[in-house]
Amino acid sequence: MATAQLSHSIRIHKAPKETVFPSQITNEHESLIMVKKLFATSISCVTYLRGLFPESSYGERHLDDLSLKILREDKKCPGSLHIIKWIRGCFDALEKRYLHMAVLTLYTNPKEPEKVTEIYQFKFKYTKEGATMDFDSHSYGTTFKSGTNSEDVKKASVLLIRKLYILMQNLGPLPNDVILTMKLHYYNAVTPHDYHPPGFKEGVNSHFLLFDGEPVNLQVGLVSTGFHSMKVKVTTEATRVSDSENNLFQESSPTEIAHQGLDCDEEEEECNNHIQRKNFVYSQQSSESSRKKRKVSEPVKVFIPDRK
């Protein structure tokens, strides 16, 4: 019987002036700091609210009226060191403008990593001016493209974190024997063939992932600084999401998006996402068999939380 996820919640109070994100974004360096912190905060939110680490593995930071838990190095919890090393690896790839997408995947069978339970996609884009983080929120009918307006960036970031907290608190519990891995996809045109950030090695660019039940894509949001962008999407089995949450986060009707593959850029490569009803295949295939696959890194070692 699966252990119920920890019943963590957002604590709302009068926050101090110091917040988790930069107070202003006027150049590429400040934008990069913003995107790094937003990415780390998002990963922390997922691991905290899914009950993957103990309370001691988190520090507290503030975002407006939200009290957030941020993952930190906890020598008593080696697992936290694994995830922090992955996050730092992503930071390295972001600084070099190589990283296209980080995909955090949860599965249960070490012999069948393609059969997944949950997928968290963080997709990055870079502009000539700098970096942005995209969060599409079609369900709200609003898309934030904040440019260099720091206040708009902050509003979009707060909305993203709130929606992520809401989603995490309403997903069904994870199995006890869940395993975590993170694959990094790169922009081939600029990434050296032998590049892999610390903590990662050469990975396999799989064409498909499998769910036991019918999967559903949940769009979390869009934030753009005018220098960098990051887009967040969560995919899990439809039965693990309540109807109200499903309606809040879906970008379109379930029949249209249930089997979409990993997010990709239409400008760079055409994706022909198709449906295979057997085993509910979650797939991504190129329209040209000769098209070069994206370069991929995977962790030197996957992580198995002690949740029993």
C-alpha atoms as a PDB file:
ATOM      1  CA  MET A   1       0.000   0.000   0.000  1.00  0.00           C
ATOM      2  CA  ALA A   2       1.428   3.323  -1.026  1.00  0.00           C
ATOM      3  CA  THR A   3       2.510   5.692   1.680  1.00  0.00           C
ATOM      4  CA  ALA A   4       0.574   8.953   1.534  1.00  0.00           C
ATOM      5  CA  GLN A   5       2.656  11.971   0.559  1.00  0.00           C
ATOM      6  CA  LEU A   6       3.521  14.411   3.314  1.00  0.00           C
ATOM      7  CA  SER A   7       0.719  16.842   4.023  1.00  0.00           C
ATOM      8  CA  HIS A   8       2.822  19.962   3.504  1.00  0.00           C
ATOM      9  CA  SER A   9       1.015  23.193   2.738  1.00  0.00           C
ATOM     10  CA  ILE A  10       1.696  26.809   1.845  1.00  0.00           C
ATOM     11  CA  ARG A  11       2.010  28.974   4.915  1.00  0.00           C
ATOM     12  CA  ILE A  12       0.777  32.495   4.361  1.00  0.00           C
ATOM     13  CA  HIS A  13       1.986  35.355   6.517  1.00  0.00           C
ATOM     14  CA  LYS A  14       3.473  38.804   6.358  1.00  0.00           C
ATOM     15  CA  ALA A  15       6.804  38.133   4.642  1.00  0.00           C
ATOM     16  CA  PRO A  16       9.992  40.139   5.228  1.00  0.00           C
ATOM     17  CA  LYS A  17      11.376  42.367   2.509  1.00  0.00           C
ATOM     18  CA  GLU A  18      14.062  39.865   1.508  1.00  0.00           C
ATOM     19  CA  THR A  19      12.612  37.404  -1.009  1.00  0.00           C
ATOM     20  CA  VAL A  20      13.789  34.359  -2.928  1.00  0.00           C
ATOM     21  CA  PHE A  21      14.094  36.207  -6.277  1.00  0.00           C
ATOM     22  CA  PRO A  22      16.129  39.275  -7.342  1.00  0.00           C
ATOM     23  CA  SER A  23      14.413  42.637  -6.748  1.00  0.00           C
ATOM     24  CA  GLN A  24      15.120  43.764 -10.302  1.00  0.00           C
ATOM     25  CA  ILE A  25      16.140  42.297 -13.670  1.00  0.00           C
ATOM     26  CA  THR A  26      18.010  44.757 -15.871  1.00  0.00           C
ATOM     27  CA  ASN A  27      20.646  42.570 -17.522  1.00  0.00           C
ATOM     28  CA  GLU A  28      21.461  39.006 -18.523  1.00  0.00           C
ATOM     29  CA  HIS A  29      23.317  38.206 -15.299  1.00  0.00           C
ATOM     30  CA  GLU A  30      20.326  39.175 -13.136  1.00  0.00           C
ATOM     31  CA  SER A  31      18.029  37.242 -15.467  1.00  0.00           C
ATOM     32  CA  LEU A  32      20.188  34.134 -15.171  1.00  0.00           C
ATOM     33  CA  ILE A  33      20.070  34.367 -11.375  1.00  0.00           C
ATOM     34  CA  MET A  34      16.277  34.674 -11.560  1.00  0.00           C
ATOM     35  CA  VAL A  35      15.864  31.622 -13.812  1.00  0.00           C
ATOM     36  CA  LYS A  36      18.234  29.519 -11.704  1.00  0.00           C
ATOM     37  CA  LYS A  37      16.334  30.375  -8.521  1.00  0.00           C
ATOM     38  CA  LEU A  38      12.953  29.760 -10.111  1.00  0.00           C
ATOM     39  CA  PHE A  39      14.119  26.374 -11.402  1.00  0.00           C
ATOM     40  CA  ALA A  40      15.583  25.382  -8.021  1.00  0.00           C
ATOM     41  CA  THR A  41      12.432  26.579  -6.236  1.00  0.00           C
ATOM     42  CA  SER A  42      10.252  24.529  -8.590  1.00  0.00           C
ATOM     43  CA  ILE A  43      12.304  21.353  -8.067  1.00  0.00           C
ATOM     44  CA  SER A  44      12.229  21.966  -4.300  1.00  0.00           C
ATOM     45  CA  CYS A  45       8.450  22.362  -4.433  1.00  0.00           C
ATOM     46  CA  VAL A  46       8.059  19.034  -6.231  1.00  0.00           C
ATOM     47  CA  THR A  47      10.342  17.087  -3.880  1.00  0.00           C
ATOM     48  CA  TYR A  48       8.905  18.682  -0.731  1.00  0.00           C
ATOM     49  CA  LEU A  49       5.215  18.291  -1.502  1.00  0.00           C
ATOM     50  CA  ARG A  50       5.692  14.774  -2.896  1.00  0.00           C
ATOM     51  CA  GLY A  51       7.279  13.797   0.441  1.00  0.00           C
ATOM     52  CA  LEU A  52      10.635  12.695  -0.996  1.00  0.00           C
ATOM     53  CA  PHE A  53      12.848  14.181   1.742  1.00  0.00           C
ATOM     54  CA  PRO A  54      12.475  14.983   5.459  1.00  0.00           C
ATOM     55  CA  GLU A  55      11.830  18.485   6.782  1.00  0.00           C
ATOM     56  CA  SER A  56      15.499  18.833   7.753  1.00  0.00           C
ATOM     57  CA  SER A  57      16.488  18.811   4.072  1.00  0.00           C
ATOM     58  CA  TYR A  58      14.798  22.171   3.460  1.00  0.00           C
ATOM     59  CA  GLY A  59      15.437  25.771   4.371  1.00  0.00           C
ATOM     60  CA  GLU A  60      12.763  28.467   4.405  1.00  0.00           C
ATOM     61  CA  ARG A  61      12.517  31.388   1.987  1.00  0.00           C
ATOM     62  CA  HIS A  62       9.750  33.900   1.294  1.00  0.00           C
ATOM     63  CA  LEU A  63       7.914  34.935  -1.855  1.00  0.00           C
ATOM     64  CA  ASP A  64       5.327  37.650  -1.191  1.00  0.00           C
ATOM     65  CA  ASP A  65       2.986  36.030   1.344  1.00  0.00           C
ATOM     66  CA  LEU A  66       4.272  32.506   0.654  1.00  0.00           C
ATOM     67  CA  SER A  67       6.658  30.640   2.923  1.00  0.00           C
ATOM     68  CA  LEU A  68       8.581  28.307   0.618  1.00  0.00           C
ATOM     69  CA  LYS A  69      10.713  25.268   1.351  1.00  0.00           C
ATOM     70  CA  ILE A  70      14.009  25.228  -0.577  1.00  0.00           C
ATOM     71  CA  LEU A  71      16.093  22.052  -0.833  1.00  0.00           C
ATOM     72  CA  ARG A  72      19.490  22.282   0.864  1.00  0.00           C
ATOM     73  CA  GLU A  73      22.451  20.005   1.477  1.00  0.00           C
ATOM     74  CA  ASP A  74      21.583  17.676   4.338  1.00  0.00           C
ATOM     75  CA  LYS A  75      24.382  15.279   5.262  1.00  0.00           C
ATOM     76  CA  LYS A  76      21.855  13.193   7.208  1.00  0.00           C
ATOM     77  CA  CYS A  77      19.899  12.732   3.958  1.00  0.00           C
ATOM     78  CA  PRO A  78      22.241  11.701   1.103  1.00  0.00           C
ATOM     79  CA  GLY A  79      19.347  11.864  -1.344  1.00  0.00           C
ATOM     80  CA  SER A  80      19.177  15.635  -1.048  1.00  0.00           C
ATOM     81  CA  LEU A  81      22.822  15.784  -2.142  1.00  0.00           C
ATOM     82  CA  HIS A  82      21.934  13.849  -5.302  1.00  0.00           C
ATOM     83  CA  ILE A  83      19.199  16.275  -6.344  1.00  0.00           C
ATOM     84  CA  ILE A  84      21.259  19.366  -5.512  1.00  0.00           C
ATOM     85  CA  LYS A  85      24.075  17.998  -7.680  1.00  0.00           C
ATOM     86  CA  TRP A  86      21.581  17.600 -10.539  1.00  0.00           C
ATOM     87  CA  ILE A  87      20.357  21.171 -10.054  1.00  0.00           C
ATOM     88  CA  ARG A  88      23.933  22.468 -10.136  1.00  0.00           C
ATOM     89  CA  GLY A  89      24.545  20.497 -13.313  1.00  0.00           C
ATOM     90  CA  CYS A  90      21.561  22.270 -14.859  1.00  0.00           C
ATOM     91  CA  PHE A  91      22.984  25.597 -13.696  1.00  0.00           C
ATOM     92  CA  ASP A  92      26.221  24.841 -15.561  1.00  0.00           C
ATOM     93  CA  ALA A  93      24.337  24.086 -18.783  1.00  0.00           C
ATOM     94  CA  LEU A  94      22.166  27.204 -18.338  1.00  0.00           C
ATOM     95  CA  GLU A  95      25.206  29.428 -17.885  1.00  0.00           C
ATOM     96  CA  LYS A  96      26.643  28.096 -21.160  1.00  0.00           C
ATOM     97  CA  ARG A  97      23.229  28.452 -22.889  1.00  0.00           C
ATOM     98  CA  TYR A  98      23.318  24.765 -23.860  1.00  0.00           C
ATOM     99  CA  LEU A  99      20.305  23.502 -21.901  1.00  0.00           C
ATOM    100  CA  HIS A 100      17.076  23.099 -23.855  1.00  0.00           C
ATOM    101  CA  MET A 101      15.061  21.018 -21.389  1.00  0.00           C
ATOM    102  CA  ALA A 102      15.444  19.285 -18.025  1.00  0.00           C
ATOM    103  CA  VAL A 103      13.071  16.345 -17.528  1.00  0.00           C
ATOM    104  CA  LEU A 104      12.559  15.014 -13.995  1.00  0.00           C
ATOM    105  CA  THR A 105      11.041  11.526 -14.226  1.00  0.00           C
ATOM    106  CA  LEU A 106       9.598   9.279 -11.519  1.00  0.00           C
ATOM    107  CA  TYR A 107       9.292   5.530 -12.118  1.00  0.00           C
ATOM    108  CA  THR A 108       9.220   2.315 -10.056  1.00  0.00           C
ATOM    109  CA  ASN A 109      10.922  -0.527 -11.947  1.00  0.00           C
ATOM    110  CA  PRO A 110      14.720  -0.099 -12.288  1.00  0.00           C
ATOM    111  CA  LYS A 111      14.684  -2.560 -15.198  1.00  0.00           C
ATOM    112  CA  GLU A 112      12.004  -0.589 -17.065  1.00  0.00           C
ATOM    113  CA  PRO A 113      12.767   3.148 -16.644  1.00  0.00           C
ATOM    114  CA  GLU A 114      10.597   3.928 -19.674  1.00  0.00           C
ATOM    115  CA  LYS A 115       7.469   2.960 -17.680  1.00  0.00           C
ATOM    116  CA  VAL A 116       6.892   6.160 -15.732  1.00  0.00           C
ATOM    117  CA  THR A 117       4.615   7.521 -13.000  1.00  0.00           C
ATOM    118  CA  GLU A 118       5.173  11.291 -13.324  1.00  0.00           C
ATOM    119  CA  ILE A 119       7.126  13.594 -15.642  1.00  0.00           C
ATOM    120  CA  TYR A 120       8.154  17.194 -14.911  1.00  0.00           C
ATOM    121  CA  GLN A 121       9.421  19.193 -17.905  1.00  0.00           C
ATOM    122  CA  PHE A 122      11.389  22.444 -17.590  1.00  0.00           C
ATOM    123  CA  LYS A 123      12.027  23.934 -21.015  1.00  0.00           C
ATOM    124  CA  PHE A 124      14.413  26.848 -21.565  1.00  0.00           C
ATOM    125  CA  LYS A 125      14.889  29.415 -24.314  1.00  0.00           C
ATOM    126  CA  TYR A 126      17.449  32.162 -24.757  1.00  0.00           C
ATOM    127  CA  THR A 127      16.980  35.476 -26.527  1.00  0.00           C
ATOM    128  CA  LYS A 128      19.647  37.718 -28.031  1.00  0.00           C
ATOM    129  CA  GLU A 129      19.189  39.967 -25.029  1.00  0.00           C
ATOM    130  CA  GLY A 130      19.319  37.180 -22.468  1.00  0.00           C
ATOM    131  CA  ALA A 131      17.254  34.431 -20.800  1.00  0.00           C
ATOM    132  CA  THR A 132      13.513  33.851 -20.194  1.00  0.00           C
ATOM    133  CA  MET A 133      11.371  31.228 -18.478  1.00  0.00           C
ATOM    134  CA  ASP A 134       8.082  30.232 -20.138  1.00  0.00           C
ATOM    135  CA  PHE A 135       5.005  29.100 -18.218  1.00  0.00           C
ATOM    136  CA  ASP A 136       1.955  28.609 -20.417  1.00  0.00           C
ATOM    137  CA  SER A 137      -1.292  29.059 -18.497  1.00  0.00           C
ATOM    138  CA  HIS A 138      -3.972  28.575 -21.129  1.00  0.00           C
ATOM    139  CA  SER A 139      -6.558  27.605 -18.531  1.00  0.00           C
ATOM    140  CA  TYR A 140      -6.395  31.084 -17.030  1.00  0.00           C
ATOM    141  CA  GLY A 141      -6.556  32.667 -20.490  1.00  0.00           C
ATOM    142  CA  THR A 142      -3.422  34.634 -19.616  1.00  0.00           C
ATOM    143  CA  THR A 143       0.187  34.401 -20.733  1.00  0.00           C
ATOM    144  CA  PHE A 144       2.821  36.459 -18.972  1.00  0.00           C
ATOM    145  CA  LYS A 145       5.605  37.755 -21.189  1.00  0.00           C
ATOM    146  CA  SER A 146       7.193  40.140 -18.851  1.00  0.00           C
ATOM    147  CA  GLY A 147      10.214  41.336 -20.775  1.00  0.00           C
ATOM    148  CA  THR A 148      12.441  43.374 -18.468  1.00  0.00           C
ATOM    149  CA  ASN A 149       9.598  44.519 -16.199  1.00  0.00           C
ATOM    150  CA  SER A 150      10.726  43.088 -12.871  1.00  0.00           C
ATOM    151  CA  GLU A 151       7.285  43.416 -11.272  1.00  0.00           C
ATOM    152  CA  ASP A 152       5.653  41.410 -14.071  1.00  0.00           C
ATOM    153  CA  VAL A 153       8.335  38.734 -13.771  1.00  0.00           C
ATOM    154  CA  LYS A 154       7.644  38.518 -10.056  1.00  0.00           C
ATOM    155  CA  LYS A 155       3.878  38.247 -10.583  1.00  0.00           C
ATOM    156  CA  ALA A 156       4.329  35.479 -13.149  1.00  0.00           C
ATOM    157  CA  SER A 157       6.735  33.640 -10.841  1.00  0.00           C
ATOM    158  CA  VAL A 158       4.356  33.852  -7.884  1.00  0.00           C
ATOM    159  CA  LEU A 159       1.532  32.526 -10.056  1.00  0.00           C
ATOM    160  CA  LEU A 160       3.699  29.637 -11.224  1.00  0.00           C
ATOM    161  CA  ILE A 161       4.740  28.619  -7.709  1.00  0.00           C
ATOM    162  CA  ARG A 162       1.153  28.885  -6.420  1.00  0.00           C
ATOM    163  CA  LYS A 163      -0.134  26.664  -9.230  1.00  0.00           C
ATOM    164  CA  LEU A 164       2.668  24.166  -8.686  1.00  0.00           C
ATOM    165  CA  TYR A 165       1.841  23.974  -4.966  1.00  0.00           C
ATOM    166  CA  ILE A 166      -1.858  23.480  -5.747  1.00  0.00           C
ATOM    167  CA  LEU A 167      -1.088  20.717  -8.230  1.00  0.00           C
ATOM    168  CA  MET A 168       1.378  18.879  -5.958  1.00  0.00           C
ATOM    169  CA  GLN A 169      -1.085  18.904  -3.055  1.00  0.00           C
ATOM    170  CA  ASN A 170      -3.837  17.360  -5.171  1.00  0.00           C
ATOM    171  CA  LEU A 171      -1.951  14.587  -6.959  1.00  0.00           C
ATOM    172  CA  GLY A 172      -2.453  11.042  -5.764  1.00  0.00           C
ATOM    173  CA  PRO A 173       0.230   9.544  -3.466  1.00  0.00           C
ATOM    174  CA  LEU A 174       3.426   8.138  -4.951  1.00  0.00           C
ATOM    175  CA  PRO A 175       4.373   4.454  -4.658  1.00  0.00           C
ATOM    176  CA  ASN A 176       6.839   3.601  -1.879  1.00  0.00           C
ATOM    177  CA  ASP A 177       9.450   2.288  -4.308  1.00  0.00           C
ATOM    178  CA  VAL A 178       9.615   5.350  -6.570  1.00  0.00           C
ATOM    179  CA  ILE A 179      12.907   6.117  -8.376  1.00  0.00           C
ATOM    180  CA  LEU A 180      13.999   9.553  -9.631  1.00  0.00           C
ATOM    181  CA  THR A 181      16.120  10.456 -12.623  1.00  0.00           C
ATOM    182  CA  MET A 182      16.677  13.635 -14.640  1.00  0.00           C
ATOM    183  CA  LYS A 183      17.561  13.834 -18.314  1.00  0.00           C
ATOM    184  CA  LEU A 184      19.011  16.965 -19.844  1.00  0.00           C
ATOM    185  CA  HIS A 185      18.304  17.785 -23.497  1.00  0.00           C
ATOM    186  CA  TYR A 186      20.534  20.287 -25.279  1.00  0.00           C
ATOM    187  CA  TYR A 187      20.583  22.648 -28.257  1.00  0.00           C
ATOM    188  CA  ASN A 188      22.689  20.593 -30.656  1.00  0.00           C
ATOM    189  CA  ALA A 189      23.860  23.571 -32.706  1.00  0.00           C
ATOM    190  CA  VAL A 190      25.819  25.101 -29.821  1.00  0.00           C
ATOM    191  CA  THR A 191      26.525  22.201 -27.442  1.00  0.00           C
ATOM    192  CA  PRO A 192      29.923  20.431 -27.779  1.00  0.00           C
ATOM    193  CA  HIS A 193      29.571  16.747 -28.590  1.00  0.00           C
ATOM    194  CA  ASP A 194      31.480  15.691 -25.471  1.00  0.00           C
ATOM    195  CA  TYR A 195      29.773  18.082 -23.052  1.00  0.00           C
ATOM    196  CA  HIS A 196      28.126  16.754 -19.896  1.00  0.00           C
ATOM    197  CA  PRO A 197      27.722  18.859 -16.729  1.00  0.00           C
ATOM    198  CA  PRO A 198      29.038  17.618 -13.359  1.00  0.00           C
ATOM    199  CA  GLY A 199      27.002  14.665 -12.087  1.00  0.00           C
ATOM    200  CA  PHE A 200      25.834  13.630 -15.579  1.00  0.00           C
ATOM    201  CA  LYS A 201      26.987  11.232 -18.300  1.00  0.00           C
ATOM    202  CA  GLU A 202      26.017  10.352 -21.868  1.00  0.00           C
ATOM    203  CA  GLY A 203      22.310   9.516 -22.001  1.00  0.00           C
ATOM    204  CA  VAL A 204      19.857   7.816 -24.364  1.00  0.00           C
ATOM    205  CA  ASN A 205      17.319   9.961 -26.218  1.00  0.00           C
ATOM    206  CA  SER A 206      14.276   7.670 -25.997  1.00  0.00           C
ATOM    207  CA  HIS A 207      11.416   7.939 -28.478  1.00  0.00           C
ATOM    208  CA  PHE A 208       8.719   7.030 -25.950  1.00  0.00           C
ATOM    209  CA  LEU A 209       7.688   6.702 -22.335  1.00  0.00           C
ATOM    210  CA  LEU A 210       4.945   4.445 -21.019  1.00  0.00           C
ATOM    211  CA  PHE A 211       2.174   4.979 -18.463  1.00  0.00           C
ATOM    212  CA  ASP A 212       0.063   2.220 -16.922  1.00  0.00           C
ATOM    213  CA  GLY A 213      -2.994   4.454 -17.241  1.00  0.00           C
ATOM    214  CA  GLU A 214      -3.997   7.208 -19.640  1.00  0.00           C
ATOM    215  CA  PRO A 215      -1.665  10.214 -19.236  1.00  0.00           C
ATOM    216  CA  VAL A 216      -2.698  13.843 -19.172  1.00  0.00           C
ATOM    217  CA  ASN A 217      -0.566  16.972 -19.750  1.00  0.00           C
ATOM    218  CA  LEU A 218      -0.906  19.769 -17.190  1.00  0.00           C
ATOM    219  CA  GLN A 219       0.403  23.204 -18.188  1.00  0.00           C
ATOM    220  CA  VAL A 220       1.828  25.123 -15.233  1.00  0.00           C
ATOM    221  CA  GLY A 221       2.843  28.537 -16.586  1.00  0.00           C
ATOM    222  CA  LEU A 222       5.046  30.994 -18.496  1.00  0.00           C
ATOM    223  CA  VAL A 223       7.605  33.540 -17.231  1.00  0.00           C
ATOM    224  CA  SER A 224       9.772  35.653 -19.508  1.00  0.00           C
ATOM    225  CA  THR A 225      12.478  38.055 -18.343  1.00  0.00           C
ATOM    226  CA  GLY A 226      13.476  39.431 -21.729  1.00  0.00           C
ATOM    227  CA  PHE A 227      16.719  37.459 -21.487  1.00  0.00           C
ATOM    228  CA  HIS A 228      15.731  33.854 -20.668  1.00  0.00           C
ATOM    229  CA  SER A 229      12.523  31.761 -20.649  1.00  0.00           C
ATOM    230  CA  MET A 230      11.413  28.547 -18.903  1.00  0.00           C
ATOM    231  CA  LYS A 231       8.283  26.513 -19.552  1.00  0.00           C
ATOM    232  CA  VAL A 232       6.920  24.006 -17.045  1.00  0.00           C
ATOM    233  CA  LYS A 233       4.643  21.068 -17.824  1.00  0.00           C
ATOM    234  CA  VAL A 234       3.638  18.075 -15.698  1.00  0.00           C
ATOM    235  CA  THR A 235       2.445  14.745 -17.122  1.00  0.00           C
ATOM    236  CA  THR A 236       0.862  12.034 -15.002  1.00  0.00           C
ATOM    237  CA  GLU A 237      -1.959   9.512 -15.172  1.00  0.00           C
ATOM    238  CA  ALA A 238      -5.390  11.103 -15.475  1.00  0.00           C
ATOM    239  CA  THR A 239      -6.721   9.018 -12.568  1.00  0.00           C
ATOM    240  CA  ARG A 240      -4.197  10.649 -10.236  1.00  0.00           C
ATOM    241  CA  VAL A 241      -5.617  14.135 -10.850  1.00  0.00           C
ATOM    242  CA  SER A 242      -8.971  15.397  -9.578  1.00  0.00           C
ATOM    243  CA  ASP A 243     -11.448  16.733 -12.138  1.00  0.00           C
ATOM    244  CA  SER A 244     -11.139  20.283 -10.785  1.00  0.00           C
ATOM    245  CA  GLU A 245      -7.349  20.244 -11.041  1.00  0.00           C
ATOM    246  CA  ASN A 246      -7.556  18.640 -14.467  1.00  0.00           C
ATOM    247  CA  ASN A 247      -9.729  21.481 -15.748  1.00  0.00           C
ATOM    248  CA  LEU A 248      -7.501  24.113 -14.134  1.00  0.00           C
ATOM    249  CA  PHE A 249      -4.224  22.993 -15.708  1.00  0.00           C
ATOM    250  CA  GLN A 250      -5.112  21.389 -19.045  1.00  0.00           C
ATOM    251  CA  GLU A 251      -4.289  23.311 -22.202  1.00  0.00           C
ATOM    252  CA  SER A 252      -7.044  21.606 -24.228  1.00  0.00           C
ATOM    253  CA  SER A 253      -9.405  18.643 -24.099  1.00  0.00           C
ATOM    254  CA  PRO A 254      -8.004  15.342 -22.771  1.00  0.00           C
ATOM    255  CA  THR A 255      -8.467  13.503 -26.065  1.00  0.00           C
ATOM    256  CA  GLU A 256      -6.259  16.019 -27.822  1.00  0.00           C
ATOM    257  CA  ILE A 257      -3.378  16.093 -25.373  1.00  0.00           C
ATOM    258  CA  ALA A 258      -3.406  12.780 -23.549  1.00  0.00           C
ATOM    259  CA  HIS A 259      -0.570  11.264 -25.590  1.00  0.00           C
ATOM    260  CA  GLN A 260       1.554  14.235 -26.532  1.00  0.00           C
ATOM    261  CA  GLY A 261       5.287  13.622 -26.384  1.00  0.00           C
ATOM    262  CA  LEU A 262       8.025  15.656 -24.762  1.00  0.00           C
ATOM    263  CA  ASP A 263       7.741  19.337 -25.578  1.00  0.00           C
ATOM    264  CA  CYS A 264       9.730  20.523 -28.595  1.00  0.00           C
ATOM    265  CA  ASP A 265      10.327  23.646 -30.659  1.00  0.00           C
ATOM    266  CA  GLU A 266       8.269  23.852 -33.828  1.00  0.00           C
ATOM    267  CA  GLU A 267      10.867  26.191 -35.348  1.00  0.00           C
ATOM    268  CA  GLU A 268      13.685  23.724 -34.786  1.00  0.00           C
ATOM    269  CA  GLU A 269      12.131  20.338 -35.401  1.00  0.00           C
ATOM    270  CA  GLU A 270       8.745  18.963 -36.381  1.00  0.00           C
ATOM    271  CA  CYS A 271       7.224  16.590 -33.865  1.00  0.00           C
ATOM    272  CA  ASN A 272       4.686  14.030 -35.019  1.00  0.00           C
ATOM    273  CA  ASN A 273       3.112  12.933 -31.759  1.00  0.00           C
ATOM    274  CA  HIS A 274       0.900   9.906 -32.295  1.00  0.00           C
ATOM    275  CA  ILE A 275      -1.415   7.737 -30.195  1.00  0.00           C
ATOM    276  CA  GLN A 276      -0.934   4.049 -29.484  1.00  0.00           C
ATOM    277  CA  ARG A 277      -3.771   2.820 -27.271  1.00  0.00           C
ATOM    278  CA  LYS A 278      -1.920  -0.301 -26.117  1.00  0.00           C
ATOM    279  CA  ASN A 279      -0.089   0.437 -22.847  1.00  0.00           C
ATOM    280  CA  PHE A 280      -0.897   4.147 -23.371  1.00  0.00           C
ATOM    281  CA  VAL A 281       2.348   5.136 -25.042  1.00  0.00           C
ATOM    282  CA  TYR A 282       3.536   8.692 -24.360  1.00  0.00           C
ATOM    283  CA  SER A 283       5.694   9.269 -27.435  1.00  0.00           C
ATOM    284  CA  GLN A 284       7.754  11.663 -29.453  1.00  0.00           C
ATOM    285  CA  GLN A 285       8.967  10.847 -32.951  1.00  0.00           C
ATOM    286  CA  SER A 286      10.642  12.946 -35.601  1.00  0.00           C
ATOM    287  CA  SER A 287       8.859  13.379 -38.918  1.00  0.00           C
ATOM    288  CA  GLU A 288      12.144  12.584 -40.627  1.00  0.00           C
ATOM    289  CA  SER A 289      13.867   9.349 -39.693  1.00  0.00           C
ATOM    290  CA  SER A 290      17.187  10.855 -40.648  1.00  0.00           C
ATOM    291  CA  ARG A 291      16.750  13.900 -38.386  1.00  0.00           C
ATOM    292  CA  LYS A 292      19.472  14.057 -35.734  1.00  0.00           C
ATOM    293  CA  LYS A 293      18.344  13.330 -32.184  1.00  0.00           C
ATOM    294  CA  ARG A 294      18.942  15.862 -29.465  1.00  0.00           C
ATOM    295  CA  LYS A 295      22.045  15.293 -27.382  1.00  0.00           C
ATOM    296  CA  VAL A 296      21.025  13.999 -23.941  1.00  0.00           C
ATOM    297  CA  SER A 297      22.726  13.616 -20.545  1.00  0.00           C
ATOM    298  CA  GLU A 298      21.510  11.488 -17.655  1.00  0.00           C
ATOM    299  CA  PRO A 299      22.649  11.262 -14.007  1.00  0.00           C
ATOM    300  CA  VAL A 300      25.701   9.180 -13.193  1.00  0.00           C
ATOM    301  CA  LYS A 301      23.452   7.563 -10.580  1.00  0.00           C
ATOM    302  CA  VAL A 302      19.647   7.570 -10.214  1.00  0.00           C
ATOM    303  CA  PHE A 303      18.095   8.275  -6.822  1.00  0.00           C
ATOM    304  CA  ILE A 304      15.839   5.975  -4.786  1.00  0.00           C
ATOM    305  CA  PRO A 305      14.144   7.802  -1.846  1.00  0.00           C
ATOM    306  CA  ASP A 306      13.726   5.976   1.462  1.00  0.00           C
ATOM    307  CA  ARG A 307       9.972   6.501   1.851  1.00  0.00           C
ATOM    308  CA  LYS A 308       8.857   3.294   3.592  1.00  0.00           C
END
